[in-house]
N, C-alpha and C. Protein backbone atom coordinates (compact mmCIF):
# COMPACT_ATOMS: atom_id res chain seq x y z
N MET A 1 134.00 181.84 213.56
CA MET A 1 134.79 181.29 212.44
C MET A 1 133.86 181.04 211.35
N SER A 2 134.07 181.40 210.18
CA SER A 2 133.29 181.10 208.90
C SER A 2 133.42 179.71 208.59
N ILE A 3 132.43 179.11 207.73
CA ILE A 3 132.56 177.88 207.33
C ILE A 3 133.79 177.66 206.41
N ARG A 4 134.15 178.84 205.67
CA ARG A 4 135.38 178.61 204.78
C ARG A 4 136.65 178.26 205.61
N GLU A 5 136.56 178.78 206.76
CA GLU A 5 137.82 178.39 207.52
C GLU A 5 137.82 176.99 208.30
N TRP A 6 136.66 176.26 208.14
CA TRP A 6 136.70 174.82 208.65
C TRP A 6 137.53 173.99 207.95
N PRO A 7 138.05 172.93 208.39
CA PRO A 7 138.58 171.88 207.69
C PRO A 7 137.67 171.26 206.45
N ALA A 8 138.24 171.19 205.42
CA ALA A 8 137.54 170.88 204.20
C ALA A 8 136.58 169.66 204.53
N ALA A 9 137.10 168.63 205.20
CA ALA A 9 136.37 167.46 205.44
C ALA A 9 135.00 167.64 206.43
N GLU A 10 135.03 168.95 206.87
CA GLU A 10 133.74 169.22 207.86
C GLU A 10 132.91 170.30 207.13
N ARG A 11 133.14 170.72 205.97
CA ARG A 11 132.31 171.81 205.23
C ARG A 11 131.34 171.08 204.61
N PRO A 12 129.99 171.48 204.85
CA PRO A 12 128.88 170.66 204.26
C PRO A 12 128.96 170.33 202.80
N ARG A 13 129.38 171.34 201.91
CA ARG A 13 129.29 171.12 200.56
C ARG A 13 130.41 170.08 200.15
N GLU A 14 131.58 170.23 200.74
CA GLU A 14 132.70 169.33 200.48
C GLU A 14 132.43 167.94 201.01
N LYS A 15 131.76 167.95 202.24
CA LYS A 15 131.48 166.68 202.83
C LYS A 15 130.47 165.85 201.95
N LEU A 16 129.61 166.59 201.43
CA LEU A 16 128.43 166.02 200.41
C LEU A 16 129.17 165.36 199.18
N LEU A 17 130.00 166.06 198.66
CA LEU A 17 130.63 165.64 197.47
C LEU A 17 131.57 164.45 197.72
N SER A 18 132.17 164.43 198.84
CA SER A 18 133.07 163.28 199.05
C SER A 18 132.47 162.14 199.59
N ARG A 19 131.55 162.20 200.58
CA ARG A 19 130.80 161.13 201.23
C ARG A 19 129.38 161.00 200.96
N GLY A 20 128.68 161.79 200.16
CA GLY A 20 127.38 161.54 199.83
C GLY A 20 126.39 162.36 200.74
N CYS A 21 125.03 162.48 200.34
CA CYS A 21 124.11 163.31 200.99
C CYS A 21 123.89 162.50 202.36
N ALA A 22 123.80 161.24 202.46
CA ALA A 22 123.48 160.44 203.81
C ALA A 22 124.40 160.84 204.89
N ALA A 23 125.64 161.32 204.56
CA ALA A 23 126.61 161.65 205.64
C ALA A 23 126.34 162.88 206.27
N LEU A 24 125.48 163.79 205.74
CA LEU A 24 125.16 165.02 206.27
C LEU A 24 124.09 165.15 207.26
N SER A 25 124.12 165.82 208.40
CA SER A 25 123.11 165.92 209.38
C SER A 25 121.97 166.78 208.80
N ASP A 26 120.89 166.96 209.56
CA ASP A 26 119.66 167.86 208.85
C ASP A 26 120.27 169.14 209.05
N ALA A 27 120.95 169.64 209.88
CA ALA A 27 121.42 170.99 209.93
C ALA A 27 122.41 171.19 208.84
N GLU A 28 123.28 170.36 208.35
CA GLU A 28 124.18 170.50 207.32
C GLU A 28 123.40 170.64 205.97
N LEU A 29 122.49 169.83 205.81
CA LEU A 29 121.58 169.83 204.61
C LEU A 29 120.87 171.19 204.54
N ILE A 30 120.21 171.66 205.58
CA ILE A 30 119.58 172.90 205.60
C ILE A 30 120.58 174.00 205.21
N ALA A 31 121.80 173.97 205.81
CA ALA A 31 122.76 174.99 205.65
C ALA A 31 123.14 175.11 204.22
N ILE A 32 123.19 173.99 203.43
CA ILE A 32 123.54 174.14 202.08
C ILE A 32 122.33 174.87 201.41
N LEU A 33 121.21 174.60 201.80
CA LEU A 33 120.16 175.46 201.05
C LEU A 33 120.13 176.93 201.49
N LEU A 34 120.39 177.14 202.70
CA LEU A 34 120.48 178.55 203.14
C LEU A 34 121.40 179.23 202.58
N ARG A 35 122.72 178.65 202.38
CA ARG A 35 123.77 179.11 201.58
C ARG A 35 124.71 180.01 202.41
N THR A 36 124.14 181.03 203.04
CA THR A 36 124.90 182.07 203.88
C THR A 36 124.34 182.26 205.33
N GLY A 37 125.14 182.65 206.28
CA GLY A 37 124.80 182.80 207.68
C GLY A 37 124.68 184.37 207.78
N VAL A 38 124.73 184.84 208.94
CA VAL A 38 124.89 186.38 209.28
C VAL A 38 125.99 186.67 210.21
N ARG A 39 126.15 187.84 210.44
CA ARG A 39 127.43 188.20 211.21
C ARG A 39 127.42 187.43 212.53
N GLY A 40 128.41 186.74 212.66
CA GLY A 40 128.68 185.94 213.93
C GLY A 40 128.12 184.50 214.12
N ARG A 41 127.26 184.04 212.93
CA ARG A 41 126.58 182.95 212.89
C ARG A 41 126.70 182.26 211.51
N THR A 42 127.30 181.10 211.43
CA THR A 42 127.39 180.41 210.18
C THR A 42 125.91 179.86 209.53
N ALA A 43 126.03 179.40 208.39
CA ALA A 43 124.59 178.93 207.80
C ALA A 43 124.44 177.68 208.61
N VAL A 44 125.38 176.93 209.08
CA VAL A 44 125.20 175.61 210.12
C VAL A 44 124.53 176.10 211.34
N ASP A 45 125.10 177.22 211.96
CA ASP A 45 124.43 177.66 213.19
C ASP A 45 122.99 178.06 212.91
N LEU A 46 122.70 178.86 211.87
CA LEU A 46 121.33 179.34 211.52
C LEU A 46 120.46 178.17 211.46
N ALA A 47 120.99 176.91 210.75
CA ALA A 47 120.15 175.71 210.56
C ALA A 47 119.93 175.05 211.81
N ARG A 48 120.79 175.05 212.83
CA ARG A 48 120.68 174.58 213.93
C ARG A 48 119.57 175.24 214.91
N ASP A 49 119.66 176.75 214.76
CA ASP A 49 118.76 177.55 215.34
C ASP A 49 117.28 177.18 214.86
N LEU A 50 117.20 177.04 213.67
CA LEU A 50 115.70 176.79 212.95
C LEU A 50 115.35 175.41 213.54
N LEU A 51 116.03 174.48 213.60
CA LEU A 51 115.74 173.11 214.04
C LEU A 51 115.28 173.13 215.39
N ALA A 52 115.99 173.83 216.19
CA ALA A 52 115.59 174.03 217.70
C ALA A 52 114.39 174.85 217.74
N ARG A 53 114.18 175.91 217.10
CA ARG A 53 113.09 176.82 217.14
C ARG A 53 111.75 176.03 216.83
N PHE A 54 111.70 175.26 215.73
CA PHE A 54 110.54 174.68 215.13
C PHE A 54 110.30 173.18 215.60
N GLY A 55 111.36 172.57 216.00
CA GLY A 55 111.31 171.37 216.46
C GLY A 55 111.62 170.14 215.67
N GLY A 56 112.08 170.26 214.48
CA GLY A 56 112.47 169.27 213.64
C GLY A 56 112.59 169.72 212.14
N LEU A 57 113.14 168.74 211.31
CA LEU A 57 113.19 168.95 210.01
C LEU A 57 112.04 169.36 209.17
N ARG A 58 111.00 168.48 209.41
CA ARG A 58 109.78 168.66 208.62
C ARG A 58 109.01 170.16 209.09
N GLN A 59 109.16 170.30 210.38
CA GLN A 59 108.70 171.57 211.03
C GLN A 59 109.14 172.93 210.49
N VAL A 60 110.63 172.93 210.16
CA VAL A 60 111.33 173.87 209.44
C VAL A 60 110.77 174.14 208.24
N LEU A 61 110.72 172.91 207.40
CA LEU A 61 110.21 173.04 205.89
C LEU A 61 108.76 173.44 205.81
N GLU A 62 107.93 173.12 206.92
CA GLU A 62 106.60 173.52 206.72
C GLU A 62 106.22 174.95 207.64
N ALA A 63 107.42 175.58 207.91
CA ALA A 63 107.03 176.72 208.85
C ALA A 63 106.36 177.81 208.10
N PRO A 64 105.61 178.47 208.85
CA PRO A 64 104.61 179.62 208.19
C PRO A 64 105.56 180.65 207.89
N ARG A 65 105.38 181.31 206.63
CA ARG A 65 106.34 182.29 205.96
C ARG A 65 106.54 183.35 206.93
N GLU A 66 105.51 183.90 207.55
CA GLU A 66 105.60 185.12 208.49
C GLU A 66 106.63 184.87 209.73
N GLU A 67 106.49 183.47 210.19
CA GLU A 67 107.30 183.31 211.44
C GLU A 67 108.56 183.01 211.00
N PHE A 68 108.84 182.35 209.77
CA PHE A 68 110.34 182.17 209.38
C PHE A 68 110.89 183.30 209.08
N CYS A 69 110.29 184.14 208.23
CA CYS A 69 111.02 185.45 207.75
C CYS A 69 111.20 186.38 209.03
N ALA A 70 110.60 186.28 210.10
CA ALA A 70 110.71 187.22 211.18
C ALA A 70 111.97 186.83 211.95
N LEU A 71 112.47 185.70 211.80
CA LEU A 71 113.62 185.09 212.57
C LEU A 71 114.97 185.90 212.17
N ALA A 72 115.88 186.03 213.16
CA ALA A 72 117.31 186.63 212.58
C ALA A 72 117.83 185.55 211.76
N GLY A 73 118.22 185.92 210.60
CA GLY A 73 118.92 185.06 209.68
C GLY A 73 117.88 184.46 208.69
N GLY A 74 116.68 184.69 208.92
CA GLY A 74 115.64 184.00 208.05
C GLY A 74 115.48 184.99 206.73
N GLY A 75 114.29 185.51 206.66
CA GLY A 75 114.11 186.27 205.36
C GLY A 75 113.51 185.41 204.29
N ALA A 76 113.01 186.46 203.38
CA ALA A 76 112.15 185.84 202.20
C ALA A 76 112.92 185.01 201.44
N ALA A 77 114.06 185.42 200.95
CA ALA A 77 115.05 184.61 200.02
C ALA A 77 115.30 183.22 200.57
N LYS A 78 115.67 182.99 201.86
CA LYS A 78 115.79 181.68 202.35
C LYS A 78 114.56 180.82 202.46
N PHE A 79 113.64 181.62 202.80
CA PHE A 79 112.22 181.01 202.76
C PHE A 79 111.94 180.43 201.35
N VAL A 80 112.16 181.23 200.40
CA VAL A 80 111.81 180.73 198.98
C VAL A 80 112.69 179.56 198.53
N GLN A 81 114.03 179.56 198.98
CA GLN A 81 114.86 178.43 198.67
C GLN A 81 114.42 177.18 199.31
N LEU A 82 113.98 177.17 200.54
CA LEU A 82 113.46 175.94 201.21
C LEU A 82 112.12 175.45 200.44
N GLN A 83 111.19 176.34 200.23
CA GLN A 83 110.03 176.00 199.42
C GLN A 83 110.29 175.49 198.10
N ALA A 84 111.14 175.87 197.42
CA ALA A 84 111.55 175.44 196.25
C ALA A 84 112.02 174.10 196.33
N CYS A 85 112.75 173.65 197.38
CA CYS A 85 113.44 172.33 197.58
C CYS A 85 112.27 171.39 197.81
N ILE A 86 111.23 171.79 198.68
CA ILE A 86 110.04 171.00 198.94
C ILE A 86 109.32 170.55 197.67
N GLU A 87 108.95 171.64 196.92
CA GLU A 87 108.40 171.36 195.56
C GLU A 87 109.03 170.53 194.66
N LEU A 88 110.36 170.69 194.40
CA LEU A 88 111.14 169.73 193.71
C LEU A 88 111.09 168.24 194.16
N ALA A 89 111.06 168.08 195.55
CA ALA A 89 110.93 166.67 196.13
C ALA A 89 109.48 166.06 195.83
N ARG A 90 108.35 167.09 195.69
CA ARG A 90 107.20 166.51 195.48
C ARG A 90 107.08 166.22 193.94
N ARG A 91 107.58 166.98 193.17
CA ARG A 91 107.50 166.73 191.76
C ARG A 91 108.35 165.53 191.43
N CYS A 92 109.46 165.20 192.08
CA CYS A 92 110.11 164.09 191.87
C CYS A 92 109.32 162.85 192.19
N LEU A 93 108.57 162.78 193.43
CA LEU A 93 107.71 161.64 193.78
C LEU A 93 106.69 161.51 192.66
N GLU A 94 106.11 162.60 192.23
CA GLU A 94 104.99 162.50 191.27
C GLU A 94 105.43 161.93 189.97
N ALA A 95 106.65 162.17 189.70
CA ALA A 95 107.30 161.66 188.39
C ALA A 95 107.32 160.07 188.59
N LYS A 96 107.55 159.59 189.78
CA LYS A 96 107.56 158.22 189.97
C LYS A 96 106.16 157.36 189.78
N LEU A 97 105.22 158.35 189.94
CA LEU A 97 103.74 158.08 189.75
C LEU A 97 103.08 158.70 188.75
N ALA A 98 103.84 158.99 187.63
CA ALA A 98 103.33 159.81 186.62
C ALA A 98 102.22 158.93 185.72
N ARG A 99 101.39 159.69 185.10
CA ARG A 99 100.30 159.12 184.17
C ARG A 99 100.97 158.15 183.25
N GLY A 100 100.61 156.82 183.22
CA GLY A 100 100.90 156.04 182.44
C GLY A 100 101.91 154.97 183.00
N ASP A 101 102.46 155.38 184.10
CA ASP A 101 103.23 154.39 184.85
C ASP A 101 102.56 153.49 185.76
N ALA A 102 103.10 152.24 185.72
CA ALA A 102 102.38 151.17 186.74
C ALA A 102 103.09 151.45 188.10
N ILE A 103 102.15 151.28 189.22
CA ILE A 103 102.69 151.47 190.60
C ILE A 103 103.67 150.31 190.95
N ALA A 104 104.94 150.67 190.99
CA ALA A 104 105.92 149.52 191.20
C ALA A 104 106.24 149.16 192.68
N SER A 105 105.86 150.14 193.68
CA SER A 105 106.21 149.89 195.13
C SER A 105 105.24 150.61 195.90
N PRO A 106 104.78 149.76 196.82
CA PRO A 106 103.90 150.55 197.93
C PRO A 106 104.53 151.68 198.60
N ASP A 107 105.95 151.49 198.69
CA ASP A 107 106.58 152.55 199.42
C ASP A 107 106.69 153.92 198.64
N ASP A 108 106.66 153.67 197.34
CA ASP A 108 106.56 154.92 196.57
C ASP A 108 105.22 155.52 196.66
N THR A 109 104.21 154.77 196.78
CA THR A 109 102.83 155.30 196.91
C THR A 109 102.81 155.97 198.27
N ARG A 110 103.30 155.29 199.27
CA ARG A 110 103.23 155.99 200.59
C ARG A 110 103.89 157.40 200.67
N ARG A 111 105.12 157.36 200.02
CA ARG A 111 105.98 158.65 200.09
C ARG A 111 105.22 159.64 199.25
N PHE A 112 104.58 159.35 198.10
CA PHE A 112 103.83 160.30 197.35
C PHE A 112 102.52 160.88 198.09
N LEU A 113 101.88 159.85 198.65
CA LEU A 113 100.77 160.34 199.35
C LEU A 113 101.01 161.10 200.63
N GLY A 114 102.10 160.73 201.32
CA GLY A 114 102.54 161.64 202.41
C GLY A 114 103.05 162.95 202.06
N ALA A 115 103.69 163.12 200.92
CA ALA A 115 104.10 164.49 200.58
C ALA A 115 102.90 165.34 200.09
N ARG A 116 101.91 164.69 199.39
CA ARG A 116 100.80 165.40 198.98
C ARG A 116 99.74 165.87 199.96
N LEU A 117 99.52 164.96 201.08
CA LEU A 117 98.52 165.16 201.87
C LEU A 117 98.84 165.71 203.49
N ARG A 118 100.12 165.42 203.77
CA ARG A 118 100.51 165.42 205.20
C ARG A 118 100.36 166.94 205.84
N ALA A 119 100.66 167.88 204.90
CA ALA A 119 100.91 169.31 205.19
C ALA A 119 99.49 169.94 205.33
N HIS A 120 98.34 169.36 204.84
CA HIS A 120 97.07 170.05 204.87
C HIS A 120 96.64 170.24 206.26
N GLY A 121 96.02 171.53 206.66
CA GLY A 121 95.64 171.77 207.91
C GLY A 121 94.25 171.29 208.20
N ARG A 122 93.49 170.81 207.17
CA ARG A 122 92.21 170.15 207.18
C ARG A 122 92.33 168.85 206.66
N GLU A 123 91.13 168.15 206.82
CA GLU A 123 91.06 166.68 206.22
C GLU A 123 90.72 166.68 204.80
N VAL A 124 91.46 165.97 204.12
CA VAL A 124 91.30 165.90 202.62
C VAL A 124 91.30 164.58 202.06
N PHE A 125 90.19 164.17 201.33
CA PHE A 125 90.01 162.85 200.95
C PHE A 125 90.42 162.89 199.30
N ALA A 126 91.20 161.92 198.87
CA ALA A 126 91.67 161.94 197.62
C ALA A 126 91.74 160.56 197.04
N CYS A 127 91.77 160.35 195.75
CA CYS A 127 91.74 159.17 194.99
C CYS A 127 92.84 159.00 193.99
N MET A 128 93.45 157.87 193.85
CA MET A 128 94.45 157.63 192.79
C MET A 128 93.64 156.68 191.90
N PHE A 129 93.37 157.21 190.54
CA PHE A 129 92.79 156.28 189.64
C PHE A 129 93.65 155.45 188.74
N LEU A 130 93.46 154.37 188.65
CA LEU A 130 94.37 153.21 187.84
C LEU A 130 93.61 152.63 186.71
N ASP A 131 94.19 152.13 185.69
CA ASP A 131 93.67 151.40 184.72
C ASP A 131 93.81 149.96 185.06
N ASN A 132 93.43 149.08 184.04
CA ASN A 132 93.52 147.74 184.56
C ASN A 132 94.77 146.94 184.59
N ARG A 133 95.90 147.67 184.31
CA ARG A 133 97.28 147.21 184.58
C ARG A 133 97.89 148.08 185.70
N HIS A 134 97.08 148.70 186.43
CA HIS A 134 97.54 149.56 187.66
C HIS A 134 98.49 150.54 187.45
N ARG A 135 98.28 150.99 186.06
CA ARG A 135 98.85 152.31 185.66
C ARG A 135 98.13 153.33 186.08
N VAL A 136 98.87 154.65 186.57
CA VAL A 136 98.19 155.71 187.21
C VAL A 136 97.58 156.62 185.94
N ILE A 137 96.24 156.68 186.16
CA ILE A 137 95.68 157.64 185.22
C ILE A 137 95.51 159.14 185.72
N ALA A 138 95.15 159.28 186.95
CA ALA A 138 95.25 160.63 187.63
C ALA A 138 95.29 160.53 189.21
N PHE A 139 95.64 161.48 189.92
CA PHE A 139 95.47 161.66 191.25
C PHE A 139 94.75 162.86 191.65
N GLU A 140 93.59 162.84 192.28
CA GLU A 140 92.79 164.08 192.51
C GLU A 140 92.30 164.01 193.91
N GLU A 141 92.45 165.33 194.37
CA GLU A 141 91.89 165.63 195.76
C GLU A 141 90.27 165.99 195.49
N LEU A 142 89.43 165.21 196.09
CA LEU A 142 88.08 165.12 195.86
C LEU A 142 87.08 165.94 196.90
N PHE A 143 87.51 165.82 198.02
CA PHE A 143 86.64 166.29 199.18
C PHE A 143 87.49 166.95 200.24
N TYR A 144 86.94 168.18 200.72
CA TYR A 144 87.66 168.96 201.70
C TYR A 144 86.78 169.04 202.93
N GLY A 145 87.33 168.86 204.18
CA GLY A 145 86.58 169.06 205.39
C GLY A 145 87.20 170.08 206.44
N THR A 146 87.00 169.66 207.63
CA THR A 146 87.50 170.51 208.58
C THR A 146 88.61 169.80 209.29
N ILE A 147 89.25 170.36 210.49
CA ILE A 147 90.25 169.84 211.01
C ILE A 147 90.27 168.33 211.48
N ASP A 148 89.05 167.84 211.56
CA ASP A 148 88.96 166.39 212.02
C ASP A 148 87.96 165.55 211.14
N SER A 149 87.38 166.10 210.07
CA SER A 149 86.55 165.21 209.34
C SER A 149 86.26 165.93 207.91
N ALA A 150 85.80 164.98 206.92
CA ALA A 150 85.43 165.53 205.64
C ALA A 150 84.36 164.52 205.20
N THR A 151 83.39 165.25 204.48
CA THR A 151 82.15 164.59 204.14
C THR A 151 82.57 163.95 202.68
N VAL A 152 82.39 162.56 202.63
CA VAL A 152 82.75 161.95 201.33
C VAL A 152 81.50 161.32 200.69
N HIS A 153 81.21 161.48 199.35
CA HIS A 153 80.13 161.16 198.63
C HIS A 153 80.50 159.94 197.73
N PRO A 154 80.30 158.63 198.21
CA PRO A 154 80.71 157.61 197.21
C PRO A 154 80.16 157.70 195.70
N ARG A 155 79.03 158.28 195.58
CA ARG A 155 78.52 158.45 194.17
C ARG A 155 79.36 159.38 193.36
N GLU A 156 79.96 160.42 193.90
CA GLU A 156 80.69 161.24 193.17
C GLU A 156 82.05 160.64 192.92
N ILE A 157 82.64 159.59 193.61
CA ILE A 157 83.83 158.85 193.43
C ILE A 157 83.40 157.97 192.18
N VAL A 158 82.22 157.34 192.23
CA VAL A 158 81.99 156.52 191.13
C VAL A 158 81.87 157.05 189.83
N LYS A 159 81.25 158.40 189.79
CA LYS A 159 81.18 159.17 188.70
C LYS A 159 82.59 159.69 188.09
N ARG A 160 83.23 159.98 188.98
CA ARG A 160 84.69 160.35 188.35
C ARG A 160 85.60 159.14 188.02
N ALA A 161 85.34 157.99 188.56
CA ALA A 161 86.03 156.89 188.19
C ALA A 161 85.55 156.46 186.76
N LEU A 162 84.38 156.55 186.55
CA LEU A 162 83.75 156.27 185.25
C LEU A 162 84.27 157.32 184.16
N ALA A 163 84.16 158.50 184.43
CA ALA A 163 84.64 159.60 183.66
C ALA A 163 86.14 159.27 183.12
N LEU A 164 86.81 158.81 184.07
CA LEU A 164 88.32 158.41 183.78
C LEU A 164 88.66 157.25 183.20
N ASN A 165 87.50 156.35 183.15
CA ASN A 165 87.86 154.88 182.70
C ASN A 165 88.54 154.16 183.61
N ALA A 166 88.61 154.39 184.73
CA ALA A 166 89.40 153.66 185.71
C ALA A 166 88.96 152.24 185.97
N ALA A 167 89.81 151.41 186.24
CA ALA A 167 89.55 150.00 186.51
C ALA A 167 89.75 149.76 187.91
N ALA A 168 90.45 150.52 188.67
CA ALA A 168 90.89 150.35 190.02
C ALA A 168 91.23 151.72 190.79
N LEU A 169 91.11 151.87 192.02
CA LEU A 169 91.24 153.04 192.85
C LEU A 169 92.19 152.80 193.98
N ILE A 170 92.85 153.68 194.54
CA ILE A 170 93.66 153.77 195.70
C ILE A 170 92.89 155.03 196.48
N LEU A 171 92.44 154.72 197.54
CA LEU A 171 91.78 155.88 198.32
C LEU A 171 92.82 156.34 199.36
N ALA A 172 92.77 157.67 199.75
CA ALA A 172 93.70 158.21 200.70
C ALA A 172 93.05 159.44 201.38
N HIS A 173 93.30 159.63 202.56
CA HIS A 173 93.02 160.78 203.30
C HIS A 173 94.00 161.05 204.44
N ASN A 174 94.13 162.36 204.90
CA ASN A 174 95.02 162.79 206.00
C ASN A 174 94.23 162.86 207.25
N HIS A 175 95.00 162.69 208.40
CA HIS A 175 94.49 162.91 209.65
C HIS A 175 95.26 164.24 210.20
N PRO A 176 94.54 165.39 210.22
CA PRO A 176 95.52 166.63 210.74
C PRO A 176 95.97 166.56 211.93
N SER A 177 95.32 165.63 212.83
CA SER A 177 95.71 165.58 214.30
C SER A 177 97.19 164.85 214.29
N GLY A 178 97.52 164.39 213.02
CA GLY A 178 98.86 163.59 213.10
C GLY A 178 98.86 162.10 213.41
N VAL A 179 97.81 161.61 213.90
CA VAL A 179 97.72 160.21 214.14
C VAL A 179 97.07 159.46 212.92
N ALA A 180 97.93 158.58 212.50
CA ALA A 180 97.40 157.86 211.33
C ALA A 180 96.74 156.63 211.55
N GLU A 181 96.47 156.34 212.75
CA GLU A 181 95.64 155.13 213.04
C GLU A 181 94.19 155.18 212.43
N PRO A 182 93.73 154.24 211.63
CA PRO A 182 92.41 154.33 211.01
C PRO A 182 91.47 154.23 212.10
N SER A 183 90.34 154.84 211.94
CA SER A 183 89.21 154.84 212.85
C SER A 183 88.11 153.96 212.24
N ARG A 184 87.03 153.75 213.19
CA ARG A 184 85.99 152.85 212.78
C ARG A 184 85.26 153.51 211.50
N ALA A 185 85.18 154.81 211.65
CA ALA A 185 84.65 155.54 210.59
C ALA A 185 85.30 155.42 209.07
N ASP A 186 86.63 155.49 209.22
CA ASP A 186 87.53 155.11 208.09
C ASP A 186 87.11 153.80 207.50
N ALA A 187 87.17 152.71 208.32
CA ALA A 187 86.78 151.46 207.81
C ALA A 187 85.52 151.25 207.25
N ALA A 188 84.52 152.08 208.01
CA ALA A 188 83.01 151.84 207.37
C ALA A 188 82.98 152.64 205.92
N LEU A 189 83.68 153.87 205.91
CA LEU A 189 83.61 154.55 204.59
C LEU A 189 84.34 153.77 203.67
N THR A 190 85.35 153.11 203.88
CA THR A 190 86.11 152.32 202.79
C THR A 190 85.05 151.28 202.31
N ALA A 191 84.32 150.62 203.19
CA ALA A 191 83.46 149.56 202.90
C ALA A 191 82.24 150.18 201.88
N ARG A 192 81.78 151.45 202.28
CA ARG A 192 80.90 152.08 201.41
C ARG A 192 81.42 152.33 200.04
N VAL A 193 82.43 152.81 200.08
CA VAL A 193 82.95 153.25 198.68
C VAL A 193 83.31 151.89 197.94
N LYS A 194 83.77 150.98 198.51
CA LYS A 194 84.07 149.74 197.90
C LYS A 194 82.90 148.99 197.24
N THR A 195 81.79 148.99 198.08
CA THR A 195 80.50 148.61 197.65
C THR A 195 79.96 149.32 196.48
N ALA A 196 79.93 150.55 196.50
CA ALA A 196 79.57 151.50 195.37
C ALA A 196 80.37 151.17 194.02
N LEU A 197 81.53 151.14 194.16
CA LEU A 197 82.36 150.84 193.10
C LEU A 197 82.32 149.38 192.49
N GLU A 198 82.07 148.66 193.32
CA GLU A 198 81.81 147.15 192.71
C GLU A 198 80.66 146.96 191.74
N LEU A 199 79.48 147.88 192.06
CA LEU A 199 78.52 147.74 191.26
C LEU A 199 78.90 148.01 189.81
N VAL A 200 79.94 148.86 189.63
CA VAL A 200 80.41 149.16 188.11
C VAL A 200 81.77 148.48 187.78
N ASP A 201 81.95 147.59 188.57
CA ASP A 201 83.16 146.60 188.36
C ASP A 201 84.47 147.40 188.50
N ILE A 202 84.71 148.27 189.42
CA ILE A 202 85.86 148.87 189.72
C ILE A 202 86.33 148.56 191.12
N ARG A 203 87.68 148.17 191.31
CA ARG A 203 88.03 147.73 192.44
C ARG A 203 88.74 148.76 193.41
N VAL A 204 88.66 148.65 194.65
CA VAL A 204 89.32 149.41 195.69
C VAL A 204 90.67 148.48 196.03
N LEU A 205 91.79 149.06 195.72
CA LEU A 205 93.04 148.27 196.05
C LEU A 205 93.53 148.63 197.45
N ASP A 206 93.38 149.74 197.99
CA ASP A 206 93.82 150.09 199.31
C ASP A 206 93.10 151.41 199.59
N HIS A 207 93.45 151.76 200.94
CA HIS A 207 93.02 153.07 201.65
C HIS A 207 93.92 153.44 202.61
N PHE A 208 94.77 154.55 202.20
CA PHE A 208 95.85 155.01 202.99
C PHE A 208 95.41 156.08 203.96
N VAL A 209 95.86 156.23 205.20
CA VAL A 209 95.56 157.16 206.11
C VAL A 209 96.96 157.92 206.43
N VAL A 210 97.11 159.06 205.98
CA VAL A 210 98.28 159.98 206.21
C VAL A 210 98.20 160.55 207.63
N GLY A 211 99.22 160.31 208.34
CA GLY A 211 99.42 160.97 209.62
C GLY A 211 100.76 161.94 209.62
N ASP A 212 101.25 162.09 210.77
CA ASP A 212 102.51 163.01 210.94
C ASP A 212 103.72 162.06 211.01
N GLY A 213 104.22 161.72 209.87
CA GLY A 213 105.49 160.92 209.80
C GLY A 213 105.01 159.36 209.56
N GLU A 214 103.72 158.91 209.27
CA GLU A 214 103.32 157.53 209.19
C GLU A 214 102.21 157.57 208.19
N VAL A 215 102.11 156.79 207.30
CA VAL A 215 101.14 156.31 206.35
C VAL A 215 100.78 155.02 206.43
N VAL A 216 99.37 154.76 207.00
CA VAL A 216 98.99 153.46 207.37
C VAL A 216 97.96 152.89 206.26
N SER A 217 98.20 151.64 205.82
CA SER A 217 97.40 150.91 204.94
C SER A 217 96.29 150.14 205.55
N LEU A 218 95.01 150.34 205.14
CA LEU A 218 93.88 149.70 205.64
C LEU A 218 93.93 148.17 205.19
N ALA A 219 94.59 147.98 203.92
CA ALA A 219 94.79 146.71 203.34
C ALA A 219 95.46 145.75 204.14
N GLU A 220 96.64 146.40 204.52
CA GLU A 220 97.69 145.64 205.38
C GLU A 220 96.97 145.36 206.71
N ARG A 221 96.18 146.17 207.22
CA ARG A 221 95.45 145.85 208.41
C ARG A 221 94.30 144.95 208.41
N GLY A 222 93.99 144.45 207.16
CA GLY A 222 92.95 143.57 206.88
C GLY A 222 91.51 144.09 206.93
N LEU A 223 91.49 145.41 206.65
CA LEU A 223 90.40 146.18 206.85
C LEU A 223 89.57 146.43 205.59
N ILE A 224 90.10 145.84 204.46
CA ILE A 224 89.57 145.80 203.08
C ILE A 224 89.34 144.51 202.61
């Protein structure tokens, strides 16, 4: 039975219009993006297959192109549609932390950093540069490492902060292992960067560690 033959209240598009996005399951939301199914399989069926195959919503959205396109009912067009959705979400989060805007919510910062850093397969260290009113000047990925570490040079962070005339920074890096728990090395690095920046009167407000589904604040842990 095609989706068109379903009761109107059960069709994903009509359900979204009448009850809102939150009423839809992951499979129903993916089905709206996929738009069509294949012979004998509705778009919702395909979405359920994808969720089962990759293990969850985020894994579907981050699935490798070759693997996704090789699946029955996959293909380049559907892969492109899902990637466009991801990029729109990232840009929406960036718009909330655009240049000139003050940071209004720690949760917005967490969501932004998670979207920017979670999918990296290697460790990436980044900085959010802020002015004296905590308005965003820039967000930059500064150092790239391996699957479990990145070499960070506090001097280079100081140089970049001075070039941007920043008054404060938020540090961030990802753990490709997926475990967001800060390590002793993370705390030690934060202390070194903080000390280096204090010499030029620039504050470190926080350091976030991005894992697989969690973003941990060192400030909230009392480590800054």
